Amino acid sequence: VTATDADEGMNGHVKYSLKKVSDMASDIFHLDTESGEIRLLRSLDFEEGESYELEVQARDGGGLFDTAKVT
């Protein structure tokens, strides 16, 4: 995921975090807090789950944030 902020300095620095993620999904997916890259920690097993939904939050240095759902 990617979020941008036109502010300069710390107010324009965006960090990412996972919100509302199931325990199973947190064992499968890793979110890089600096880049927003989502990676698999292990192979997907469709017998465990057919789909996953993650809620990613992007927050700037000024305290503003927004969220997006990734399915």
Protein backbone atom coordinates (compact mmCIF):
# COMPACT_ATOMS: atom_id res chain seq x y z
CA VAL A 1 0.00 0.00 0.00
CA THR A 2 1.13 3.57 -0.56
CA ALA A 3 0.11 6.83 1.08
CA THR A 4 1.58 10.24 0.36
CA ASP A 5 1.68 13.47 2.33
CA ALA A 6 2.74 16.79 0.78
CA ASP A 7 4.02 18.18 4.10
CA GLU A 8 7.76 18.54 4.59
CA GLY A 9 9.86 17.09 7.39
CA MET A 10 8.37 14.86 10.09
CA ASN A 11 4.79 15.92 9.30
CA GLY A 12 5.18 14.38 5.83
CA HIS A 13 6.72 11.09 7.03
CA VAL A 14 4.13 8.28 6.69
CA LYS A 15 4.20 5.08 8.77
CA TYR A 16 1.95 2.07 8.26
CA SER A 17 0.30 -0.30 10.72
CA LEU A 18 -2.25 -3.11 10.66
CA LYS A 19 -5.60 -2.56 12.35
CA LYS A 20 -8.36 -5.13 12.80
CA VAL A 21 -6.36 -8.12 11.67
CA SER A 22 -7.29 -11.65 12.74
CA ASP A 23 -4.80 -13.80 14.65
CA MET A 24 -4.57 -16.14 11.66
CA ALA A 25 -3.85 -13.29 9.23
CA SER A 26 -1.18 -11.84 11.54
CA ASP A 27 0.64 -15.20 11.31
CA ILE A 28 0.49 -15.10 7.49
CA PHE A 29 1.08 -11.45 6.50
CA HIS A 30 3.78 -8.94 7.43
CA LEU A 31 3.43 -5.19 6.85
CA ASP A 32 6.62 -3.13 6.55
CA THR A 33 5.89 -0.05 8.69
CA GLU A 34 8.14 2.20 6.56
CA SER A 35 7.36 1.13 2.98
CA GLY A 36 3.80 -0.23 3.27
CA GLU A 37 4.86 -3.47 1.58
CA ILE A 38 2.75 -6.49 2.54
CA ARG A 39 4.59 -9.83 2.38
CA LEU A 40 3.67 -13.43 3.06
CA LEU A 41 5.34 -15.04 6.06
CA ARG A 42 4.34 -18.48 4.77
CA SER A 43 2.45 -20.04 1.89
CA LEU A 44 -1.30 -19.57 1.68
CA ASP A 45 -3.44 -22.62 2.42
CA PHE A 46 -6.92 -22.33 0.93
CA GLU A 47 -8.16 -25.05 3.28
CA GLU A 48 -7.49 -22.63 6.17
CA GLY A 49 -9.14 -19.64 4.52
CA GLU A 50 -10.39 -18.70 1.08
CA SER A 51 -9.71 -14.98 1.55
CA TYR A 52 -8.25 -12.55 4.07
CA GLU A 53 -9.06 -8.95 4.86
CA LEU A 54 -6.53 -6.58 6.39
CA GLU A 55 -7.14 -3.01 7.48
CA VAL A 56 -4.03 -0.90 6.95
CA GLN A 57 -3.60 2.49 8.59
CA ALA A 58 -1.24 5.18 7.27
CA ARG A 59 -0.30 7.89 9.81
CA ASP A 60 1.80 10.99 9.22
CA GLY A 61 4.09 12.71 11.72
CA GLY A 62 1.42 15.33 12.42
CA GLY A 63 -1.04 12.74 13.77
CA LEU A 64 -3.34 12.58 10.73
CA PHE A 65 -4.27 9.13 9.42
CA ASP A 66 -6.41 7.21 6.97
CA THR A 67 -7.23 3.53 6.57
CA ALA A 68 -7.75 1.15 3.66
CA LYS A 69 -9.01 -2.41 3.43
CA VAL A 70 -6.88 -4.93 1.57
CA THR A 71 -8.60 -8.16 0.58
